[in-house]
Amino acid sequence: MISLYDKGEHKNVFFDDLTSGQMVQANQHVIFHGNEGIVLDPGGHKVYTKLFSQLPGVMKINDLKHVFFSHQDPDIIAAANGWLMVTDAQAYLSALWMRFIPHFGVDEKVTERIKPIPDEGLTISLGGSPLKFIPAHFLHSCGNFHVYDPVSKIFYTGDLGASLGQTYSKVEDFDSHVQYMEGFHKRYMPATKALKMWAKTARTLDIEMIAPQHGAVFPTRELSVRFIDWIDGLECGVDIMGDSFPVPA
């Protein structure tokens, strides 16, 4: 468990070592304010067991009131049923994916506690503190959201900012870190326009840290600005592909 912010009744932590074997590395982020907590992108079944056992180090299990799913990928949502069956938490997911999540085995008894996030986003109360679900559509899912915490000023960006293969949890040298992000972003992010839309939105927020779902976080305002600038200038997806798909021999 790594602390990102801890002042007064507000704390932000993340777990970066719960995946194993052939799983893609994934971070599980937790925010706690007052007497309410939220888990962001809690992961699959094997991660669920580990995270659930470590949560008491952050909060009482009964204080877990919210679960957030940035999009529909299994490394984010596969254990949704476990979280909803053992807590009374409210879950949040893009309205576009509400009819798909039952395919992960979510029991009908708890589906009513999954709230659809409208395309324009949503602000919820976390123990009396606002938490903003901000649209980030097509980055890389058609129904995708990021989370902005105005207290810690941390922007949780899901797969945007993901890095693979580095051995550190916090970025120190942005230029040397690019090699761990570039290939992923060029392939998994579908269009340059979506990146530029996100960068324009991000510049309106007061950001001290950017925390992706995979890899290292950008722990300072300066590094966060460097990342936003990098995204703003990156070409990706269909914009760097050819004119047609190949036909295998």
C-alpha atoms as a PDB file:
ATOM      1  CA  MET A   1       0.000   0.000   0.000  1.00  0.00           C
ATOM      2  CA  ILE A   2       1.375   3.412  -1.022  1.00  0.00           C
ATOM      3  CA  SER A   3       0.030   6.653   0.423  1.00  0.00           C
ATOM      4  CA  LEU A   4      -0.535   9.497  -2.037  1.00  0.00           C
ATOM      5  CA  TYR A   5      -2.298  11.931   0.312  1.00  0.00           C
ATOM      6  CA  ASP A   6      -3.145  11.868   4.022  1.00  0.00           C
ATOM      7  CA  LYS A   7      -4.381  15.046   5.688  1.00  0.00           C
ATOM      8  CA  GLY A   8      -7.068  15.352   8.319  1.00  0.00           C
ATOM      9  CA  GLU A   9     -10.039  13.147   7.444  1.00  0.00           C
ATOM     10  CA  HIS A  10      -8.997  12.606   3.832  1.00  0.00           C
ATOM     11  CA  LYS A  11      -6.643   9.961   2.516  1.00  0.00           C
ATOM     12  CA  ASN A  12      -5.692   8.539  -0.889  1.00  0.00           C
ATOM     13  CA  VAL A  13      -3.757   5.273  -1.208  1.00  0.00           C
ATOM     14  CA  PHE A  14      -3.068   2.738  -3.909  1.00  0.00           C
ATOM     15  CA  PHE A  15      -1.988  -0.857  -4.223  1.00  0.00           C
ATOM     16  CA  ASP A  16       0.390  -1.683  -7.070  1.00  0.00           C
ATOM     17  CA  ASP A  17       1.450  -5.235  -6.203  1.00  0.00           C
ATOM     18  CA  LEU A  18      -1.728  -7.339  -6.070  1.00  0.00           C
ATOM     19  CA  THR A  19      -1.521  -8.768  -9.595  1.00  0.00           C
ATOM     20  CA  SER A  20       0.572 -11.844 -10.348  1.00  0.00           C
ATOM     21  CA  GLY A  21       1.594 -14.321 -13.037  1.00  0.00           C
ATOM     22  CA  GLN A  22       0.478 -13.436 -16.553  1.00  0.00           C
ATOM     23  CA  MET A  23      -1.939 -10.706 -15.410  1.00  0.00           C
ATOM     24  CA  VAL A  24      -1.340  -7.207 -16.733  1.00  0.00           C
ATOM     25  CA  GLN A  25      -0.118  -5.107 -13.821  1.00  0.00           C
ATOM     26  CA  ALA A  26      -2.921  -2.945 -12.424  1.00  0.00           C
ATOM     27  CA  ASN A  27      -3.252  -0.428  -9.600  1.00  0.00           C
ATOM     28  CA  GLN A  28      -6.193  -0.360  -7.215  1.00  0.00           C
ATOM     29  CA  HIS A  29      -6.870   3.133  -5.881  1.00  0.00           C
ATOM     30  CA  VAL A  30      -8.782   3.901  -2.680  1.00  0.00           C
ATOM     31  CA  ILE A  31     -10.067   7.275  -1.467  1.00  0.00           C
ATOM     32  CA  PHE A  32     -11.413   7.763   2.053  1.00  0.00           C
ATOM     33  CA  HIS A  33     -13.067  10.871   3.494  1.00  0.00           C
ATOM     34  CA  GLY A  34     -14.806  11.194   6.848  1.00  0.00           C
ATOM     35  CA  ASN A  35     -16.452   7.823   7.272  1.00  0.00           C
ATOM     36  CA  GLU A  36     -16.895   6.849   3.616  1.00  0.00           C
ATOM     37  CA  GLY A  37     -14.563   5.142   1.164  1.00  0.00           C
ATOM     38  CA  ILE A  38     -14.478   4.362  -2.541  1.00  0.00           C
ATOM     39  CA  VAL A  39     -12.460   1.800  -4.496  1.00  0.00           C
ATOM     40  CA  LEU A  40     -11.548   2.735  -8.062  1.00  0.00           C
ATOM     41  CA  ASP A  41     -11.259  -0.022 -10.690  1.00  0.00           C
ATOM     42  CA  PRO A  42     -11.003  -2.871  -8.140  1.00  0.00           C
ATOM     43  CA  GLY A  43      -9.914  -5.590 -10.582  1.00  0.00           C
ATOM     44  CA  GLY A  44     -10.552  -9.276 -11.124  1.00  0.00           C
ATOM     45  CA  HIS A  45     -11.236 -12.234  -8.850  1.00  0.00           C
ATOM     46  CA  LYS A  46      -7.682 -12.951  -7.663  1.00  0.00           C
ATOM     47  CA  VAL A  47      -7.051  -9.284  -6.942  1.00  0.00           C
ATOM     48  CA  TYR A  48     -10.390  -9.048  -5.117  1.00  0.00           C
ATOM     49  CA  THR A  49      -9.300 -11.535  -2.446  1.00  0.00           C
ATOM     50  CA  LYS A  50      -6.049  -9.687  -1.773  1.00  0.00           C
ATOM     51  CA  LEU A  51      -7.510  -6.197  -1.838  1.00  0.00           C
ATOM     52  CA  PHE A  52     -10.437  -7.110   0.396  1.00  0.00           C
ATOM     53  CA  SER A  53      -8.043  -8.502   3.005  1.00  0.00           C
ATOM     54  CA  GLN A  54      -5.898  -5.338   2.954  1.00  0.00           C
ATOM     55  CA  LEU A  55      -8.678  -2.736   2.958  1.00  0.00           C
ATOM     56  CA  PRO A  56      -8.981  -2.718   6.781  1.00  0.00           C
ATOM     57  CA  GLY A  57      -5.590  -0.983   6.768  1.00  0.00           C
ATOM     58  CA  VAL A  58      -7.343   1.994   5.168  1.00  0.00           C
ATOM     59  CA  MET A  59     -10.937   1.829   6.452  1.00  0.00           C
ATOM     60  CA  LYS A  60     -13.545  -0.397   8.009  1.00  0.00           C
ATOM     61  CA  ILE A  61     -15.166  -2.640   5.395  1.00  0.00           C
ATOM     62  CA  ASN A  62     -18.561  -1.242   6.412  1.00  0.00           C
ATOM     63  CA  ASP A  63     -17.290   2.227   5.447  1.00  0.00           C
ATOM     64  CA  LEU A  64     -16.857   1.184   1.811  1.00  0.00           C
ATOM     65  CA  LYS A  65     -19.816   2.992   0.282  1.00  0.00           C
ATOM     66  CA  HIS A  66     -18.822   3.343  -3.371  1.00  0.00           C
ATOM     67  CA  VAL A  67     -17.128   1.322  -6.119  1.00  0.00           C
ATOM     68  CA  PHE A  68     -16.146   2.987  -9.401  1.00  0.00           C
ATOM     69  CA  PHE A  69     -15.603   1.268 -12.746  1.00  0.00           C
ATOM     70  CA  SER A  70     -13.917   3.488 -15.339  1.00  0.00           C
ATOM     71  CA  HIS A  71     -14.967   1.135 -18.150  1.00  0.00           C
ATOM     72  CA  GLN A  72     -15.788  -2.499 -18.932  1.00  0.00           C
ATOM     73  CA  ASP A  73     -12.421  -4.293 -19.098  1.00  0.00           C
ATOM     74  CA  PRO A  74     -12.011  -7.447 -16.936  1.00  0.00           C
ATOM     75  CA  ASP A  75      -8.967  -6.068 -15.076  1.00  0.00           C
ATOM     76  CA  ILE A  76     -11.367  -3.431 -13.750  1.00  0.00           C
ATOM     77  CA  ILE A  77     -14.750  -5.045 -13.372  1.00  0.00           C
ATOM     78  CA  ALA A  78     -14.512  -8.851 -13.323  1.00  0.00           C
ATOM     79  CA  ALA A  79     -14.984  -9.118  -9.531  1.00  0.00           C
ATOM     80  CA  ALA A  80     -17.923  -6.688  -9.396  1.00  0.00           C
ATOM     81  CA  ASN A  81     -20.236  -9.338  -7.962  1.00  0.00           C
ATOM     82  CA  GLY A  82     -17.908 -10.025  -5.031  1.00  0.00           C
ATOM     83  CA  TRP A  83     -17.770  -6.374  -3.989  1.00  0.00           C
ATOM     84  CA  LEU A  84     -21.516  -5.899  -4.256  1.00  0.00           C
ATOM     85  CA  MET A  85     -22.452  -9.124  -2.473  1.00  0.00           C
ATOM     86  CA  VAL A  86     -20.284  -8.560   0.625  1.00  0.00           C
ATOM     87  CA  THR A  87     -20.818  -4.794   1.027  1.00  0.00           C
ATOM     88  CA  ASP A  88     -23.727  -2.398   0.624  1.00  0.00           C
ATOM     89  CA  ALA A  89     -21.676  -0.141  -1.656  1.00  0.00           C
ATOM     90  CA  GLN A  90     -23.131   1.737  -4.600  1.00  0.00           C
ATOM     91  CA  ALA A  91     -21.285   1.035  -7.851  1.00  0.00           C
ATOM     92  CA  TYR A  92     -20.912   3.358 -10.835  1.00  0.00           C
ATOM     93  CA  LEU A  93     -20.431   2.467 -14.496  1.00  0.00           C
ATOM     94  CA  SER A  94     -20.994   4.155 -17.849  1.00  0.00           C
ATOM     95  CA  ALA A  95     -24.604   3.816 -18.970  1.00  0.00           C
ATOM     96  CA  LEU A  96     -23.268   2.261 -22.185  1.00  0.00           C
ATOM     97  CA  TRP A  97     -22.038  -0.824 -20.309  1.00  0.00           C
ATOM     98  CA  MET A  98     -24.955  -1.496 -17.979  1.00  0.00           C
ATOM     99  CA  ARG A  99     -26.353  -4.305 -20.132  1.00  0.00           C
ATOM    100  CA  PHE A 100     -22.936  -5.949 -20.420  1.00  0.00           C
ATOM    101  CA  ILE A 101     -21.880  -6.168 -16.776  1.00  0.00           C
ATOM    102  CA  PRO A 102     -24.325  -9.051 -15.997  1.00  0.00           C
ATOM    103  CA  HIS A 103     -22.143 -11.205 -18.258  1.00  0.00           C
ATOM    104  CA  PHE A 104     -19.475 -11.051 -15.523  1.00  0.00           C
ATOM    105  CA  GLY A 105     -21.835 -12.989 -13.265  1.00  0.00           C
ATOM    106  CA  VAL A 106     -23.320 -10.082 -11.322  1.00  0.00           C
ATOM    107  CA  ASP A 107     -26.274 -11.378  -9.313  1.00  0.00           C
ATOM    108  CA  GLU A 108     -29.670  -9.881 -10.080  1.00  0.00           C
ATOM    109  CA  LYS A 109     -30.081  -9.088  -6.378  1.00  0.00           C
ATOM    110  CA  VAL A 110     -27.322  -6.455  -6.536  1.00  0.00           C
ATOM    111  CA  THR A 111     -27.581  -5.052 -10.068  1.00  0.00           C
ATOM    112  CA  GLU A 112     -29.918  -2.325  -8.783  1.00  0.00           C
ATOM    113  CA  ARG A 113     -26.958  -0.921  -6.833  1.00  0.00           C
ATOM    114  CA  ILE A 114     -24.995  -0.273 -10.045  1.00  0.00           C
ATOM    115  CA  LYS A 115     -25.722   3.308 -11.049  1.00  0.00           C
ATOM    116  CA  PRO A 116     -25.328   4.314 -14.717  1.00  0.00           C
ATOM    117  CA  ILE A 117     -23.079   7.329 -15.285  1.00  0.00           C
ATOM    118  CA  PRO A 118     -24.512   9.581 -17.999  1.00  0.00           C
ATOM    119  CA  ASP A 119     -22.254  10.616 -20.880  1.00  0.00           C
ATOM    120  CA  GLU A 120     -21.785  14.095 -19.417  1.00  0.00           C
ATOM    121  CA  GLY A 121     -20.400  12.726 -16.123  1.00  0.00           C
ATOM    122  CA  LEU A 122     -21.475  12.887 -12.501  1.00  0.00           C
ATOM    123  CA  THR A 123     -20.486  14.377  -9.138  1.00  0.00           C
ATOM    124  CA  ILE A 124     -21.026  12.268  -6.029  1.00  0.00           C
ATOM    125  CA  SER A 125     -20.531  12.958  -2.338  1.00  0.00           C
ATOM    126  CA  LEU A 126     -17.836  10.986  -0.530  1.00  0.00           C
ATOM    127  CA  GLY A 127     -18.453  11.560   3.171  1.00  0.00           C
ATOM    128  CA  GLY A 128     -19.514  15.121   2.366  1.00  0.00           C
ATOM    129  CA  SER A 129     -16.634  15.786  -0.052  1.00  0.00           C
ATOM    130  CA  PRO A 130     -17.324  16.059  -3.808  1.00  0.00           C
ATOM    131  CA  LEU A 131     -15.824  13.543  -6.209  1.00  0.00           C
ATOM    132  CA  LYS A 132     -16.146  14.150  -9.944  1.00  0.00           C
ATOM    133  CA  PHE A 133     -16.580  11.463 -12.616  1.00  0.00           C
ATOM    134  CA  ILE A 134     -15.300  13.240 -15.723  1.00  0.00           C
ATOM    135  CA  PRO A 135     -15.942  12.017 -19.290  1.00  0.00           C
ATOM    136  CA  ALA A 136     -12.933  10.491 -21.042  1.00  0.00           C
ATOM    137  CA  HIS A 137     -14.770   8.690 -23.820  1.00  0.00           C
ATOM    138  CA  PHE A 138     -12.755   6.594 -26.303  1.00  0.00           C
ATOM    139  CA  LEU A 139      -9.709   6.595 -23.998  1.00  0.00           C
ATOM    140  CA  HIS A 140      -9.853   3.733 -24.665  1.00  0.00           C
ATOM    141  CA  SER A 141     -13.481   2.713 -24.229  1.00  0.00           C
ATOM    142  CA  CYS A 142     -16.517   4.304 -25.891  1.00  0.00           C
ATOM    143  CA  GLY A 143     -17.976   4.741 -22.393  1.00  0.00           C
ATOM    144  CA  ASN A 144     -15.068   5.821 -20.199  1.00  0.00           C
ATOM    145  CA  PHE A 145     -14.680   8.076 -17.153  1.00  0.00           C
ATOM    146  CA  HIS A 146     -11.868   9.471 -15.031  1.00  0.00           C
ATOM    147  CA  VAL A 147     -12.096  10.629 -11.414  1.00  0.00           C
ATOM    148  CA  TYR A 148     -11.024  14.008 -10.065  1.00  0.00           C
ATOM    149  CA  ASP A 149     -10.638  14.474  -6.321  1.00  0.00           C
ATOM    150  CA  PRO A 150     -10.704  18.220  -5.495  1.00  0.00           C
ATOM    151  CA  VAL A 151      -9.341  17.703  -1.974  1.00  0.00           C
ATOM    152  CA  SER A 152      -6.102  15.884  -2.835  1.00  0.00           C
ATOM    153  CA  LYS A 153      -6.129  17.375  -6.370  1.00  0.00           C
ATOM    154  CA  ILE A 154      -5.385  13.908  -7.759  1.00  0.00           C
ATOM    155  CA  PHE A 155      -6.720  13.063 -11.220  1.00  0.00           C
ATOM    156  CA  TYR A 156      -7.305   9.324 -11.630  1.00  0.00           C
ATOM    157  CA  THR A 157      -6.975   8.605 -15.351  1.00  0.00           C
ATOM    158  CA  GLY A 158      -7.589   4.882 -15.796  1.00  0.00           C
ATOM    159  CA  ASP A 159      -5.734   3.502 -18.815  1.00  0.00           C
ATOM    160  CA  LEU A 160      -4.594   6.946 -19.895  1.00  0.00           C
ATOM    161  CA  GLY A 161      -1.074   7.348 -18.555  1.00  0.00           C
ATOM    162  CA  ALA A 162      -0.588   3.599 -18.248  1.00  0.00           C
ATOM    163  CA  SER A 163       3.002   2.396 -18.261  1.00  0.00           C
ATOM    164  CA  LEU A 164       4.204  -1.162 -18.597  1.00  0.00           C
ATOM    165  CA  GLY A 165       7.555  -2.669 -17.646  1.00  0.00           C
ATOM    166  CA  GLN A 166       9.011  -0.017 -15.345  1.00  0.00           C
ATOM    167  CA  THR A 167      10.114  -1.032 -11.842  1.00  0.00           C
ATOM    168  CA  TYR A 168       9.141   2.128  -9.921  1.00  0.00           C
ATOM    169  CA  SER A 169       5.801   3.375  -8.561  1.00  0.00           C
ATOM    170  CA  LYS A 170       6.338   7.103  -9.011  1.00  0.00           C
ATOM    171  CA  VAL A 171       7.780   8.856 -12.055  1.00  0.00           C
ATOM    172  CA  GLU A 172      10.890  10.951 -11.441  1.00  0.00           C
ATOM    173  CA  ASP A 173      12.264  11.510 -14.962  1.00  0.00           C
ATOM    174  CA  PHE A 174       9.493  12.089 -17.509  1.00  0.00           C
ATOM    175  CA  ASP A 175      11.671  11.762 -20.611  1.00  0.00           C
ATOM    176  CA  SER A 176      13.027   8.360 -19.595  1.00  0.00           C
ATOM    177  CA  HIS A 177       9.507   7.237 -18.628  1.00  0.00           C
ATOM    178  CA  VAL A 178       8.026   7.816 -22.098  1.00  0.00           C
ATOM    179  CA  GLN A 179       9.427   4.515 -23.390  1.00  0.00           C
ATOM    180  CA  TYR A 180       7.110   2.632 -21.009  1.00  0.00           C
ATOM    181  CA  MET A 181       3.993   4.510 -22.197  1.00  0.00           C
ATOM    182  CA  GLU A 182       4.397   5.221 -25.880  1.00  0.00           C
ATOM    183  CA  GLY A 183       3.628   1.855 -27.471  1.00  0.00           C
ATOM    184  CA  PHE A 184       0.558   1.297 -25.310  1.00  0.00           C
ATOM    185  CA  HIS A 185      -0.925   4.715 -26.012  1.00  0.00           C
ATOM    186  CA  LYS A 186      -0.324   4.598 -29.742  1.00  0.00           C
ATOM    187  CA  ARG A 187      -2.158   1.275 -30.033  1.00  0.00           C
ATOM    188  CA  TYR A 188      -4.810   1.316 -27.296  1.00  0.00           C
ATOM    189  CA  MET A 189      -5.945   4.931 -27.699  1.00  0.00           C
ATOM    190  CA  PRO A 190      -8.080   5.064 -30.845  1.00  0.00           C
ATOM    191  CA  ALA A 191      -7.843   8.636 -32.118  1.00  0.00           C
ATOM    192  CA  THR A 192      -5.738  11.760 -31.694  1.00  0.00           C
ATOM    193  CA  LYS A 193      -8.835  13.975 -31.363  1.00  0.00           C
ATOM    194  CA  ALA A 194      -9.904  12.172 -28.187  1.00  0.00           C
ATOM    195  CA  LEU A 195      -6.461  12.791 -26.663  1.00  0.00           C
ATOM    196  CA  LYS A 196      -6.664  16.493 -27.458  1.00  0.00           C
ATOM    197  CA  MET A 197     -10.169  16.743 -26.011  1.00  0.00           C
ATOM    198  CA  TRP A 198      -8.922  15.150 -22.788  1.00  0.00           C
ATOM    199  CA  ALA A 199      -5.893  17.466 -22.590  1.00  0.00           C
ATOM    200  CA  LYS A 200      -8.132  20.512 -23.005  1.00  0.00           C
ATOM    201  CA  THR A 201     -10.363  19.278 -20.168  1.00  0.00           C
ATOM    202  CA  ALA A 202      -7.415  18.385 -17.926  1.00  0.00           C
ATOM    203  CA  ARG A 203      -6.001  21.907 -18.231  1.00  0.00           C
ATOM    204  CA  THR A 204      -9.160  23.271 -16.589  1.00  0.00           C
ATOM    205  CA  LEU A 205      -8.508  21.235 -13.418  1.00  0.00           C
ATOM    206  CA  ASP A 206      -6.213  22.078 -10.503  1.00  0.00           C
ATOM    207  CA  ILE A 207      -4.025  18.948 -10.632  1.00  0.00           C
ATOM    208  CA  GLU A 208      -1.213  18.072  -8.219  1.00  0.00           C
ATOM    209  CA  MET A 209      -0.903  14.429  -9.299  1.00  0.00           C
ATOM    210  CA  ILE A 210      -2.047  12.103 -12.093  1.00  0.00           C
ATOM    211  CA  ALA A 211      -2.655   8.495 -11.065  1.00  0.00           C
ATOM    212  CA  PRO A 212      -3.270   5.906 -13.831  1.00  0.00           C
ATOM    213  CA  GLN A 213      -4.625   2.394 -13.388  1.00  0.00           C
ATOM    214  CA  HIS A 214      -1.438   0.756 -14.674  1.00  0.00           C
ATOM    215  CA  GLY A 215       2.152   1.563 -13.782  1.00  0.00           C
ATOM    216  CA  ALA A 216       3.654   4.631 -12.149  1.00  0.00           C
ATOM    217  CA  VAL A 217       1.895   7.790 -10.991  1.00  0.00           C
ATOM    218  CA  PHE A 218       2.962  11.340 -11.883  1.00  0.00           C
ATOM    219  CA  PRO A 219       3.442  12.631  -8.336  1.00  0.00           C
ATOM    220  CA  THR A 220       3.954  16.379  -8.894  1.00  0.00           C
ATOM    221  CA  ARG A 221       2.233  19.254 -10.639  1.00  0.00           C
ATOM    222  CA  GLU A 222       5.211  19.654 -12.974  1.00  0.00           C
ATOM    223  CA  LEU A 223       5.209  16.005 -14.059  1.00  0.00           C
ATOM    224  CA  SER A 224       1.425  16.060 -14.472  1.00  0.00           C
ATOM    225  CA  VAL A 225       1.715  19.057 -16.809  1.00  0.00           C
ATOM    226  CA  ARG A 226       4.445  17.263 -18.754  1.00  0.00           C
ATOM    227  CA  PHE A 227       2.115  14.303 -19.208  1.00  0.00           C
ATOM    228  CA  ILE A 228      -0.798  16.478 -20.342  1.00  0.00           C
ATOM    229  CA  ASP A 229       1.477  18.212 -22.853  1.00  0.00           C
ATOM    230  CA  TRP A 230       2.741  14.835 -24.108  1.00  0.00           C
ATOM    231  CA  ILE A 231      -0.789  13.537 -24.604  1.00  0.00           C
ATOM    232  CA  ASP A 232      -1.753  16.748 -26.403  1.00  0.00           C
ATOM    233  CA  GLY A 233       1.010  16.185 -28.959  1.00  0.00           C
ATOM    234  CA  LEU A 234       0.678  12.408 -29.433  1.00  0.00           C
ATOM    235  CA  GLU A 235      -0.732  10.795 -32.565  1.00  0.00           C
ATOM    236  CA  CYS A 236      -2.368   7.432 -32.042  1.00  0.00           C
ATOM    237  CA  GLY A 237      -4.779   4.753 -33.210  1.00  0.00           C
ATOM    238  CA  VAL A 238      -6.469   5.124 -36.581  1.00  0.00           C
ATOM    239  CA  ASP A 239      -4.517   8.317 -37.265  1.00  0.00           C
ATOM    240  CA  ILE A 240      -1.236   6.431 -37.613  1.00  0.00           C
ATOM    241  CA  MET A 241      -2.600   3.405 -39.468  1.00  0.00           C
ATOM    242  CA  GLY A 242      -2.476   2.758 -43.201  1.00  0.00           C
ATOM    243  CA  ASP A 243      -5.321   2.891 -45.715  1.00  0.00           C
ATOM    244  CA  SER A 244      -6.499  -0.709 -45.405  1.00  0.00           C
ATOM    245  CA  PHE A 245      -6.174  -3.852 -43.290  1.00  0.00           C
ATOM    246  CA  PRO A 246      -3.956  -6.702 -44.484  1.00  0.00           C
ATOM    247  CA  VAL A 247      -5.412 -10.017 -45.631  1.00  0.00           C
ATOM    248  CA  PRO A 248      -3.380 -12.935 -44.258  1.00  0.00           C
ATOM    249  CA  ALA A 249      -1.956 -15.417 -46.773  1.00  0.00           C
END
